[in-house]
Amino acid sequence: MIHHLILLDDEADVHLAQGKLVNGPSKIALAVLGSVQCFSSQARWSQAALEALASQCPVIFARWDGKTKKWATASLIPRCRYVNPTALSKLCKLSERKATQIASDLLMAKIENQHLMLRVFDPLLGPLPKLKDNSFSRILRLESRYARFFWARYFKAAATDLFAREKRQAQHPLNAALNYGYGFLYHAIEWQCVASGLEPGIGLIHKLRRSRPSLVCDLIEPFRCCVELVLIRHLDEMHEKKHMAARYAEMIEETWTYRGHRFRLRSIIRLVVESFVRSLDGKMPFQPFTLHPRDACV
């Protein structure tokens, strides 16, 4: 069994002992570590532990900057170690039709997931209208219009006086908590892209931009509803960063429905990325994450 270690405690003291990574009373064998994610800016790491992990699994250090309201991240292992040249070649050579299909599937899954969530808040809300054709520009316009529709109702369900979604330098606690949760998803998806040999900077929807993982920004879209659901369930804790960190860590390990079966969200992320890789040659359809009504309950 592969384990994914998440460190949240600022008092973490990580060192190596008898082939195991040790942090307080917790011990985990290096051989079963699939990835490590550290959200603590004050954790103490021994040199031996870092050197051992460098040859074992991807490690990402993430720190929330309270002034800029952004995540600052650093990767211990160069991405080039995990490059899958076949997958990268297929991604870069995708036909316009196929790229449009995958991008549209991602955005439509996001919209459908959020609409299902709104129908839980308001059972009288009508169904989402179906598009007659698969026009990417039409999907983009729909997403832009739907965002205004969605956030107005989401903020109302959260009983806040918010009128706008702040993506950067969020001042309202609800927007800051959303950004914080999306950060958890970003890093989990980036890990899986790296593990699958994909370069996270090469995407389909989001334009190439220096230091931005465009592919991660694409693949995260259908998963955003998970953060939005967790936050709406724990609104009383949104002012406490440590409490929300624990909730989002639990979210990654909770079971959700995907393709008719129950998996941990971390496993679903792996399955979605693998589905994305298999769809690049056009032989298998891409299967993004779609929210199940049972998981949408608040």
C-alpha atoms as a PDB file:
ATOM      1  CA  MET A   1       0.000   0.000   0.000  1.00  0.00           C
ATOM      2  CA  ILE A   2       1.306   3.432  -0.990  1.00  0.00           C
ATOM      3  CA  HIS A   3       0.989   6.226   1.568  1.00  0.00           C
ATOM      4  CA  HIS A   4       0.805   9.977   0.945  1.00  0.00           C
ATOM      5  CA  LEU A   5       2.089  11.987   3.891  1.00  0.00           C
ATOM      6  CA  ILE A   6       0.618  15.411   4.708  1.00  0.00           C
ATOM      7  CA  LEU A   7       2.382  17.499   7.369  1.00  0.00           C
ATOM      8  CA  LEU A   8       0.359  20.301   8.950  1.00  0.00           C
ATOM      9  CA  ASP A   9       1.936  20.736  12.385  1.00  0.00           C
ATOM     10  CA  ASP A  10       4.284  23.733  12.787  1.00  0.00           C
ATOM     11  CA  GLU A  11       6.082  21.756  15.510  1.00  0.00           C
ATOM     12  CA  ALA A  12       6.933  18.903  13.126  1.00  0.00           C
ATOM     13  CA  ASP A  13      10.421  17.452  13.625  1.00  0.00           C
ATOM     14  CA  VAL A  14      11.080  15.083  10.718  1.00  0.00           C
ATOM     15  CA  HIS A  15      14.083  12.776  10.749  1.00  0.00           C
ATOM     16  CA  LEU A  16      15.168   9.327   9.622  1.00  0.00           C
ATOM     17  CA  ALA A  17      15.467   6.291  11.884  1.00  0.00           C
ATOM     18  CA  GLN A  18      15.965   2.665  10.813  1.00  0.00           C
ATOM     19  CA  GLY A  19      14.606   3.227   7.325  1.00  0.00           C
ATOM     20  CA  LYS A  20      11.523   5.069   8.567  1.00  0.00           C
ATOM     21  CA  LEU A  21      10.474   8.689   8.413  1.00  0.00           C
ATOM     22  CA  VAL A  22       9.768   9.800  11.980  1.00  0.00           C
ATOM     23  CA  ASN A  23       7.698  12.749  13.176  1.00  0.00           C
ATOM     24  CA  GLY A  24       6.920  12.590  16.891  1.00  0.00           C
ATOM     25  CA  PRO A  25       5.153   9.269  17.598  1.00  0.00           C
ATOM     26  CA  SER A  26       4.382   8.733  13.902  1.00  0.00           C
ATOM     27  CA  LYS A  27       6.606   6.466  11.832  1.00  0.00           C
ATOM     28  CA  ILE A  28       6.262   5.485   8.182  1.00  0.00           C
ATOM     29  CA  ALA A  29       8.529   3.260   6.091  1.00  0.00           C
ATOM     30  CA  LEU A  30      10.255   5.059   3.223  1.00  0.00           C
ATOM     31  CA  ALA A  31       9.486   2.147   0.915  1.00  0.00           C
ATOM     32  CA  VAL A  32       5.723   2.804   1.053  1.00  0.00           C
ATOM     33  CA  LEU A  33       5.841   6.583   0.636  1.00  0.00           C
ATOM     34  CA  GLY A  34       4.251   7.778  -2.603  1.00  0.00           C
ATOM     35  CA  SER A  35       4.525  11.500  -1.909  1.00  0.00           C
ATOM     36  CA  VAL A  36       5.057  14.040   0.848  1.00  0.00           C
ATOM     37  CA  GLN A  37       3.339  17.401   1.178  1.00  0.00           C
ATOM     38  CA  CYS A  38       4.430  19.812   3.892  1.00  0.00           C
ATOM     39  CA  PHE A  39       2.162  22.751   4.790  1.00  0.00           C
ATOM     40  CA  SER A  40       4.284  23.789   7.770  1.00  0.00           C
ATOM     41  CA  SER A  41       6.701  26.692   7.325  1.00  0.00           C
ATOM     42  CA  GLN A  42       8.438  25.974  10.632  1.00  0.00           C
ATOM     43  CA  ALA A  43       8.891  22.201  10.390  1.00  0.00           C
ATOM     44  CA  ARG A  44      12.402  20.929  11.093  1.00  0.00           C
ATOM     45  CA  TRP A  45      13.884  18.469   8.585  1.00  0.00           C
ATOM     46  CA  SER A  46      17.045  16.452   9.022  1.00  0.00           C
ATOM     47  CA  GLN A  47      19.479  16.389   6.095  1.00  0.00           C
ATOM     48  CA  ALA A  48      19.350  12.581   6.044  1.00  0.00           C
ATOM     49  CA  ALA A  49      15.562  12.620   5.678  1.00  0.00           C
ATOM     50  CA  LEU A  50      15.659  15.071   2.773  1.00  0.00           C
ATOM     51  CA  GLU A  51      18.391  13.114   0.984  1.00  0.00           C
ATOM     52  CA  ALA A  52      16.476   9.847   1.408  1.00  0.00           C
ATOM     53  CA  LEU A  53      13.242  11.362   0.107  1.00  0.00           C
ATOM     54  CA  ALA A  54      15.034  12.875  -2.904  1.00  0.00           C
ATOM     55  CA  SER A  55      15.409   9.399  -4.393  1.00  0.00           C
ATOM     56  CA  GLN A  56      12.070   8.046  -3.184  1.00  0.00           C
ATOM     57  CA  CYS A  57       9.105  10.252  -4.073  1.00  0.00           C
ATOM     58  CA  PRO A  58       7.996  13.785  -5.029  1.00  0.00           C
ATOM     59  CA  VAL A  59       7.999  16.258  -2.149  1.00  0.00           C
ATOM     60  CA  ILE A  60       6.262  19.640  -2.240  1.00  0.00           C
ATOM     61  CA  PHE A  61       6.636  22.325   0.412  1.00  0.00           C
ATOM     62  CA  ALA A  62       3.694  24.734   0.532  1.00  0.00           C
ATOM     63  CA  ARG A  63       3.395  27.917   2.586  1.00  0.00           C
ATOM     64  CA  TRP A  64       0.399  30.245   2.784  1.00  0.00           C
ATOM     65  CA  ASP A  65       1.480  33.873   2.542  1.00  0.00           C
ATOM     66  CA  GLY A  66      -0.974  35.874   4.636  1.00  0.00           C
ATOM     67  CA  LYS A  67       0.068  39.185   3.071  1.00  0.00           C
ATOM     68  CA  THR A  68      -0.331  38.256  -0.589  1.00  0.00           C
ATOM     69  CA  LYS A  69      -3.054  35.658   0.102  1.00  0.00           C
ATOM     70  CA  LYS A  70      -1.215  33.211  -2.156  1.00  0.00           C
ATOM     71  CA  TRP A  71       0.506  29.870  -1.893  1.00  0.00           C
ATOM     72  CA  ALA A  72       4.281  29.783  -2.177  1.00  0.00           C
ATOM     73  CA  THR A  73       5.519  26.335  -3.161  1.00  0.00           C
ATOM     74  CA  ALA A  74       8.780  24.556  -3.810  1.00  0.00           C
ATOM     75  CA  SER A  75       9.430  21.067  -5.180  1.00  0.00           C
ATOM     76  CA  LEU A  76      12.241  18.939  -3.811  1.00  0.00           C
ATOM     77  CA  ILE A  77      12.550  16.727  -6.896  1.00  0.00           C
ATOM     78  CA  PRO A  78      13.026  18.082 -10.448  1.00  0.00           C
ATOM     79  CA  ARG A  79      10.027  17.299 -12.647  1.00  0.00           C
ATOM     80  CA  CYS A  80      12.261  16.046 -15.441  1.00  0.00           C
ATOM     81  CA  ARG A  81      12.847  12.861 -13.440  1.00  0.00           C
ATOM     82  CA  TYR A  82       9.287  11.809 -14.175  1.00  0.00           C
ATOM     83  CA  VAL A  83       8.861  12.908 -17.796  1.00  0.00           C
ATOM     84  CA  ASN A  84       6.739  10.590 -19.940  1.00  0.00           C
ATOM     85  CA  PRO A  85       7.860  11.615 -23.449  1.00  0.00           C
ATOM     86  CA  THR A  86       5.066   9.641 -25.134  1.00  0.00           C
ATOM     87  CA  ALA A  87       2.311  11.362 -23.157  1.00  0.00           C
ATOM     88  CA  LEU A  88       3.933  14.782 -23.582  1.00  0.00           C
ATOM     89  CA  SER A  89       4.285  14.269 -27.325  1.00  0.00           C
ATOM     90  CA  LYS A  90       0.618  13.264 -27.669  1.00  0.00           C
ATOM     91  CA  LEU A  91      -0.497  16.232 -25.550  1.00  0.00           C
ATOM     92  CA  CYS A  92       1.445  18.708 -27.680  1.00  0.00           C
ATOM     93  CA  LYS A  93       0.195  17.128 -30.943  1.00  0.00           C
ATOM     94  CA  LEU A  94      -3.490  16.955 -30.042  1.00  0.00           C
ATOM     95  CA  SER A  95      -5.774  17.942 -32.880  1.00  0.00           C
ATOM     96  CA  GLU A  96      -7.855  21.063 -32.362  1.00  0.00           C
ATOM     97  CA  ARG A  97     -11.005  18.929 -32.328  1.00  0.00           C
ATOM     98  CA  LYS A  98      -9.704  16.547 -29.658  1.00  0.00           C
ATOM     99  CA  ALA A  99      -8.262  19.350 -27.497  1.00  0.00           C
ATOM    100  CA  THR A 100     -11.616  21.142 -27.694  1.00  0.00           C
ATOM    101  CA  GLN A 101     -13.438  17.965 -26.670  1.00  0.00           C
ATOM    102  CA  ILE A 102     -11.289  17.393 -23.569  1.00  0.00           C
ATOM    103  CA  ALA A 103     -11.348  21.061 -22.554  1.00  0.00           C
ATOM    104  CA  SER A 104     -15.124  21.195 -22.990  1.00  0.00           C
ATOM    105  CA  ASP A 105     -15.560  18.017 -20.943  1.00  0.00           C
ATOM    106  CA  LEU A 106     -13.594  19.564 -18.069  1.00  0.00           C
ATOM    107  CA  LEU A 107     -15.533  22.828 -18.047  1.00  0.00           C
ATOM    108  CA  MET A 108     -18.932  21.167 -18.473  1.00  0.00           C
ATOM    109  CA  ALA A 109     -18.149  18.762 -15.614  1.00  0.00           C
ATOM    110  CA  LYS A 110     -17.293  21.751 -13.414  1.00  0.00           C
ATOM    111  CA  ILE A 111     -20.550  23.531 -14.291  1.00  0.00           C
ATOM    112  CA  GLU A 112     -22.680  20.402 -13.843  1.00  0.00           C
ATOM    113  CA  ASN A 113     -21.058  19.649 -10.481  1.00  0.00           C
ATOM    114  CA  GLN A 114     -21.677  23.154  -9.199  1.00  0.00           C
ATOM    115  CA  HIS A 115     -25.250  23.131 -10.503  1.00  0.00           C
ATOM    116  CA  LEU A 116     -25.946  19.869  -8.667  1.00  0.00           C
ATOM    117  CA  MET A 117     -24.657  21.512  -5.491  1.00  0.00           C
ATOM    118  CA  LEU A 118     -26.963  24.504  -6.010  1.00  0.00           C
ATOM    119  CA  ARG A 119     -29.943  22.181  -6.466  1.00  0.00           C
ATOM    120  CA  VAL A 120     -29.161  20.724  -3.034  1.00  0.00           C
ATOM    121  CA  PHE A 121     -29.339  24.262  -1.604  1.00  0.00           C
ATOM    122  CA  ASP A 122     -32.495  25.023  -3.613  1.00  0.00           C
ATOM    123  CA  PRO A 123     -34.474  21.951  -4.777  1.00  0.00           C
ATOM    124  CA  LEU A 124     -36.723  24.200  -6.903  1.00  0.00           C
ATOM    125  CA  LEU A 125     -33.801  25.270  -9.098  1.00  0.00           C
ATOM    126  CA  GLY A 126     -34.298  24.064 -12.658  1.00  0.00           C
ATOM    127  CA  PRO A 127     -31.943  21.668 -14.472  1.00  0.00           C
ATOM    128  CA  LEU A 128     -28.935  22.934 -16.383  1.00  0.00           C
ATOM    129  CA  PRO A 129     -29.763  23.354 -20.084  1.00  0.00           C
ATOM    130  CA  LYS A 130     -27.891  21.081 -22.481  1.00  0.00           C
ATOM    131  CA  LEU A 131     -25.778  22.510 -25.283  1.00  0.00           C
ATOM    132  CA  LYS A 132     -26.578  21.407 -28.816  1.00  0.00           C
ATOM    133  CA  ASP A 133     -22.992  21.346 -30.023  1.00  0.00           C
ATOM    134  CA  ASN A 134     -19.534  21.103 -28.562  1.00  0.00           C
ATOM    135  CA  SER A 135     -18.283  24.629 -29.243  1.00  0.00           C
ATOM    136  CA  PHE A 136     -15.376  25.544 -26.975  1.00  0.00           C
ATOM    137  CA  SER A 137     -16.035  29.287 -27.271  1.00  0.00           C
ATOM    138  CA  ARG A 138     -19.650  28.632 -26.329  1.00  0.00           C
ATOM    139  CA  ILE A 139     -18.540  26.566 -23.328  1.00  0.00           C
ATOM    140  CA  LEU A 140     -16.221  29.390 -22.219  1.00  0.00           C
ATOM    141  CA  ARG A 141     -19.030  31.929 -22.455  1.00  0.00           C
ATOM    142  CA  LEU A 142     -21.337  29.586 -20.549  1.00  0.00           C
ATOM    143  CA  GLU A 143     -18.726  29.147 -17.815  1.00  0.00           C
ATOM    144  CA  SER A 144     -18.258  32.900 -17.497  1.00  0.00           C
ATOM    145  CA  ARG A 145     -21.990  33.547 -17.240  1.00  0.00           C
ATOM    146  CA  TYR A 146     -22.554  30.600 -14.947  1.00  0.00           C
ATOM    147  CA  ALA A 147     -19.847  31.765 -12.535  1.00  0.00           C
ATOM    148  CA  ARG A 148     -21.849  34.895 -11.741  1.00  0.00           C
ATOM    149  CA  PHE A 149     -25.014  32.790 -11.370  1.00  0.00           C
ATOM    150  CA  PHE A 150     -23.270  30.240  -9.133  1.00  0.00           C
ATOM    151  CA  TRP A 151     -21.410  32.525  -6.746  1.00  0.00           C
ATOM    152  CA  ALA A 152     -24.442  34.696  -6.005  1.00  0.00           C
ATOM    153  CA  ARG A 153     -26.357  31.600  -4.867  1.00  0.00           C
ATOM    154  CA  TYR A 154     -23.407  30.009  -3.111  1.00  0.00           C
ATOM    155  CA  PHE A 155     -22.785  33.138  -1.026  1.00  0.00           C
ATOM    156  CA  LYS A 156     -26.499  33.275  -0.223  1.00  0.00           C
ATOM    157  CA  ALA A 157     -26.408  29.660   0.966  1.00  0.00           C
ATOM    158  CA  ALA A 158     -23.414  30.555   3.136  1.00  0.00           C
ATOM    159  CA  ALA A 159     -25.463  33.413   4.658  1.00  0.00           C
ATOM    160  CA  THR A 160     -22.799  36.034   3.873  1.00  0.00           C
ATOM    161  CA  ASP A 161     -23.001  39.564   2.512  1.00  0.00           C
ATOM    162  CA  LEU A 162     -20.479  38.775  -0.233  1.00  0.00           C
ATOM    163  CA  PHE A 163     -21.185  39.857  -3.785  1.00  0.00           C
ATOM    164  CA  ALA A 164     -17.934  38.966  -5.572  1.00  0.00           C
ATOM    165  CA  ARG A 165     -15.478  36.098  -5.703  1.00  0.00           C
ATOM    166  CA  GLU A 166     -11.934  37.271  -4.803  1.00  0.00           C
ATOM    167  CA  LYS A 167      -9.380  35.039  -6.497  1.00  0.00           C
ATOM    168  CA  ARG A 168      -6.301  37.006  -5.438  1.00  0.00           C
ATOM    169  CA  GLN A 169      -5.495  38.757  -2.181  1.00  0.00           C
ATOM    170  CA  ALA A 170      -8.856  37.747  -0.749  1.00  0.00           C
ATOM    171  CA  GLN A 171      -9.979  39.852   2.201  1.00  0.00           C
ATOM    172  CA  HIS A 172     -13.197  38.107   3.192  1.00  0.00           C
ATOM    173  CA  PRO A 173     -12.667  34.939   5.296  1.00  0.00           C
ATOM    174  CA  LEU A 174     -14.925  32.880   3.012  1.00  0.00           C
ATOM    175  CA  ASN A 175     -12.954  33.762  -0.118  1.00  0.00           C
ATOM    176  CA  ALA A 176      -9.667  33.199   1.710  1.00  0.00           C
ATOM    177  CA  ALA A 177     -10.875  29.780   2.906  1.00  0.00           C
ATOM    178  CA  LEU A 178     -11.896  28.848  -0.661  1.00  0.00           C
ATOM    179  CA  ASN A 179      -8.468  29.829  -2.005  1.00  0.00           C
ATOM    180  CA  TYR A 180      -6.824  27.878   0.793  1.00  0.00           C
ATOM    181  CA  GLY A 181      -8.842  24.764  -0.074  1.00  0.00           C
ATOM    182  CA  TYR A 182      -8.167  25.058  -3.784  1.00  0.00           C
ATOM    183  CA  GLY A 183      -4.468  25.079  -2.862  1.00  0.00           C
ATOM    184  CA  PHE A 184      -4.831  21.603  -1.360  1.00  0.00           C
ATOM    185  CA  LEU A 185      -6.367  20.364  -4.596  1.00  0.00           C
ATOM    186  CA  TYR A 186      -3.746  22.083  -6.767  1.00  0.00           C
ATOM    187  CA  HIS A 187      -0.904  20.324  -4.993  1.00  0.00           C
ATOM    188  CA  ALA A 188      -2.596  16.909  -4.970  1.00  0.00           C
ATOM    189  CA  ILE A 189      -3.271  17.163  -8.722  1.00  0.00           C
ATOM    190  CA  GLU A 190       0.227  18.454  -9.441  1.00  0.00           C
ATOM    191  CA  TRP A 191       1.711  15.473  -7.595  1.00  0.00           C
ATOM    192  CA  GLN A 192      -0.274  13.111  -9.760  1.00  0.00           C
ATOM    193  CA  CYS A 193       0.667  14.911 -12.976  1.00  0.00           C
ATOM    194  CA  VAL A 194       4.329  14.623 -12.013  1.00  0.00           C
ATOM    195  CA  ALA A 195       3.922  10.950 -11.074  1.00  0.00           C
ATOM    196  CA  SER A 196       2.244  10.273 -14.444  1.00  0.00           C
ATOM    197  CA  GLY A 197       5.102  11.871 -16.343  1.00  0.00           C
ATOM    198  CA  LEU A 198       3.189  14.975 -17.435  1.00  0.00           C
ATOM    199  CA  GLU A 199       4.632  18.469 -17.416  1.00  0.00           C
ATOM    200  CA  PRO A 200       2.134  20.462 -15.305  1.00  0.00           C
ATOM    201  CA  GLY A 201       2.925  23.655 -17.206  1.00  0.00           C
ATOM    202  CA  ILE A 202       1.457  22.430 -20.526  1.00  0.00           C
ATOM    203  CA  GLY A 203      -2.332  22.722 -20.523  1.00  0.00           C
ATOM    204  CA  LEU A 204      -5.319  22.998 -22.855  1.00  0.00           C
ATOM    205  CA  ILE A 205      -7.624  25.658 -21.408  1.00  0.00           C
ATOM    206  CA  HIS A 206      -5.259  27.985 -19.563  1.00  0.00           C
ATOM    207  CA  LYS A 207      -2.581  29.690 -21.613  1.00  0.00           C
ATOM    208  CA  LEU A 208       1.067  28.991 -21.040  1.00  0.00           C
ATOM    209  CA  ARG A 209       2.464  31.312 -18.415  1.00  0.00           C
ATOM    210  CA  ARG A 210       5.768  31.210 -16.610  1.00  0.00           C
ATOM    211  CA  SER A 211       5.607  29.408 -13.246  1.00  0.00           C
ATOM    212  CA  ARG A 212       1.916  28.536 -13.681  1.00  0.00           C
ATOM    213  CA  PRO A 213       0.930  24.838 -13.808  1.00  0.00           C
ATOM    214  CA  SER A 214      -1.583  25.289 -16.624  1.00  0.00           C
ATOM    215  CA  LEU A 215      -2.482  21.599 -16.852  1.00  0.00           C
ATOM    216  CA  VAL A 216      -3.211  21.521 -13.128  1.00  0.00           C
ATOM    217  CA  CYS A 217      -5.424  24.598 -13.561  1.00  0.00           C
ATOM    218  CA  ASP A 218      -7.320  22.662 -16.252  1.00  0.00           C
ATOM    219  CA  LEU A 219      -7.743  19.383 -14.383  1.00  0.00           C
ATOM    220  CA  ILE A 220      -8.792  21.026 -11.115  1.00  0.00           C
ATOM    221  CA  GLU A 221     -11.988  22.499 -12.582  1.00  0.00           C
ATOM    222  CA  PRO A 222     -14.375  19.558 -11.926  1.00  0.00           C
ATOM    223  CA  PHE A 223     -12.893  19.068  -8.435  1.00  0.00           C
ATOM    224  CA  ARG A 224     -13.555  22.606  -7.189  1.00  0.00           C
ATOM    225  CA  CYS A 225     -16.995  21.543  -5.948  1.00  0.00           C
ATOM    226  CA  CYS A 226     -15.301  19.340  -3.322  1.00  0.00           C
ATOM    227  CA  VAL A 227     -13.723  22.366  -1.629  1.00  0.00           C
ATOM    228  CA  GLU A 228     -16.941  24.348  -1.932  1.00  0.00           C
ATOM    229  CA  LEU A 229     -18.908  21.540  -0.273  1.00  0.00           C
ATOM    230  CA  VAL A 230     -16.416  21.053   2.558  1.00  0.00           C
ATOM    231  CA  LEU A 231     -16.419  24.779   3.305  1.00  0.00           C
ATOM    232  CA  ILE A 232     -20.205  25.081   3.320  1.00  0.00           C
ATOM    233  CA  ARG A 233     -20.323  22.148   5.775  1.00  0.00           C
ATOM    234  CA  HIS A 234     -17.841  23.803   8.139  1.00  0.00           C
ATOM    235  CA  LEU A 235     -18.592  27.506   7.858  1.00  0.00           C
ATOM    236  CA  ASP A 236     -18.177  27.938  11.609  1.00  0.00           C
ATOM    237  CA  GLU A 237     -14.482  27.000  11.241  1.00  0.00           C
ATOM    238  CA  MET A 238     -13.567  29.148   8.233  1.00  0.00           C
ATOM    239  CA  HIS A 239     -11.849  31.774  10.407  1.00  0.00           C
ATOM    240  CA  GLU A 240      -9.426  29.151  11.819  1.00  0.00           C
ATOM    241  CA  LYS A 241      -6.687  28.262   9.367  1.00  0.00           C
ATOM    242  CA  LYS A 242      -5.588  25.143  11.260  1.00  0.00           C
ATOM    243  CA  HIS A 243      -9.144  23.839  11.494  1.00  0.00           C
ATOM    244  CA  MET A 244      -9.710  24.308   7.778  1.00  0.00           C
ATOM    245  CA  ALA A 245      -6.346  22.732   6.975  1.00  0.00           C
ATOM    246  CA  ALA A 246      -7.485  19.632   8.861  1.00  0.00           C
ATOM    247  CA  ARG A 247     -10.846  19.640   7.028  1.00  0.00           C
ATOM    248  CA  TYR A 248      -9.203  19.885   3.620  1.00  0.00           C
ATOM    249  CA  ALA A 249      -6.707  17.163   4.510  1.00  0.00           C
ATOM    250  CA  GLU A 250      -9.674  14.977   5.493  1.00  0.00           C
ATOM    251  CA  MET A 251     -11.344  15.854   2.181  1.00  0.00           C
ATOM    252  CA  ILE A 252      -8.422  14.411   0.214  1.00  0.00           C
ATOM    253  CA  GLU A 253      -8.718  11.130   2.129  1.00  0.00           C
ATOM    254  CA  GLU A 254     -12.545  10.906   2.188  1.00  0.00           C
ATOM    255  CA  THR A 255     -14.403   8.534  -0.137  1.00  0.00           C
ATOM    256  CA  TRP A 256     -16.340   9.962  -3.092  1.00  0.00           C
ATOM    257  CA  THR A 257     -18.129   8.316  -6.013  1.00  0.00           C
ATOM    258  CA  TYR A 258     -16.399   8.018  -9.385  1.00  0.00           C
ATOM    259  CA  ARG A 259     -17.519   5.760 -12.259  1.00  0.00           C
ATOM    260  CA  GLY A 260     -20.058   4.115  -9.970  1.00  0.00           C
ATOM    261  CA  HIS A 261     -17.534   3.105  -7.300  1.00  0.00           C
ATOM    262  CA  ARG A 262     -16.318   4.619  -4.054  1.00  0.00           C
ATOM    263  CA  PHE A 263     -12.702   5.813  -3.866  1.00  0.00           C
ATOM    264  CA  ARG A 264     -10.667   8.193  -1.754  1.00  0.00           C
ATOM    265  CA  LEU A 265     -10.492  11.591  -3.443  1.00  0.00           C
ATOM    266  CA  ARG A 266      -6.728  11.185  -3.789  1.00  0.00           C
ATOM    267  CA  SER A 267      -7.312   7.943  -5.717  1.00  0.00           C
ATOM    268  CA  ILE A 268      -9.958   9.627  -7.899  1.00  0.00           C
ATOM    269  CA  ILE A 269      -7.429  12.319  -8.805  1.00  0.00           C
ATOM    270  CA  ARG A 270      -5.032   9.566  -9.879  1.00  0.00           C
ATOM    271  CA  LEU A 271      -7.736   7.825 -11.930  1.00  0.00           C
ATOM    272  CA  VAL A 272      -8.753  11.092 -13.634  1.00  0.00           C
ATOM    273  CA  VAL A 273      -5.156  11.939 -14.566  1.00  0.00           C
ATOM    274  CA  GLU A 274      -4.655   8.395 -15.863  1.00  0.00           C
ATOM    275  CA  SER A 275      -7.888   8.714 -17.862  1.00  0.00           C
ATOM    276  CA  PHE A 276      -6.569  11.991 -19.284  1.00  0.00           C
ATOM    277  CA  VAL A 277      -3.314  10.319 -20.366  1.00  0.00           C
ATOM    278  CA  ARG A 278      -5.160   7.399 -22.001  1.00  0.00           C
ATOM    279  CA  SER A 279      -7.495   9.767 -23.846  1.00  0.00           C
ATOM    280  CA  LEU A 280      -4.639  11.589 -25.576  1.00  0.00           C
ATOM    281  CA  ASP A 281      -4.402   9.009 -28.387  1.00  0.00           C
ATOM    282  CA  GLY A 282      -8.158   9.197 -28.992  1.00  0.00           C
ATOM    283  CA  LYS A 283      -8.793   5.495 -28.323  1.00  0.00           C
ATOM    284  CA  MET A 284     -10.532   5.992 -24.973  1.00  0.00           C
ATOM    285  CA  PRO A 285     -12.851   8.827 -23.877  1.00  0.00           C
ATOM    286  CA  PHE A 286     -11.751  11.158 -21.093  1.00  0.00           C
ATOM    287  CA  GLN A 287     -13.752  10.660 -17.888  1.00  0.00           C
ATOM    288  CA  PRO A 288     -13.575  13.755 -15.647  1.00  0.00           C
ATOM    289  CA  PHE A 289     -14.842  13.736 -12.069  1.00  0.00           C
ATOM    290  CA  THR A 290     -18.616  14.155 -11.818  1.00  0.00           C
ATOM    291  CA  LEU A 291     -20.249  14.838  -8.473  1.00  0.00           C
ATOM    292  CA  HIS A 292     -22.681  12.181  -7.240  1.00  0.00           C
ATOM    293  CA  PRO A 293     -25.910  13.426  -5.567  1.00  0.00           C
ATOM    294  CA  ARG A 294     -25.066  11.451  -2.441  1.00  0.00           C
ATOM    295  CA  ASP A 295     -21.756  13.311  -2.086  1.00  0.00           C
ATOM    296  CA  ALA A 296     -23.419  16.694  -2.676  1.00  0.00           C
ATOM    297  CA  CYS A 297     -25.434  16.538   0.540  1.00  0.00           C
ATOM    298  CA  VAL A 298     -24.616  19.228   3.093  1.00  0.00           C
END
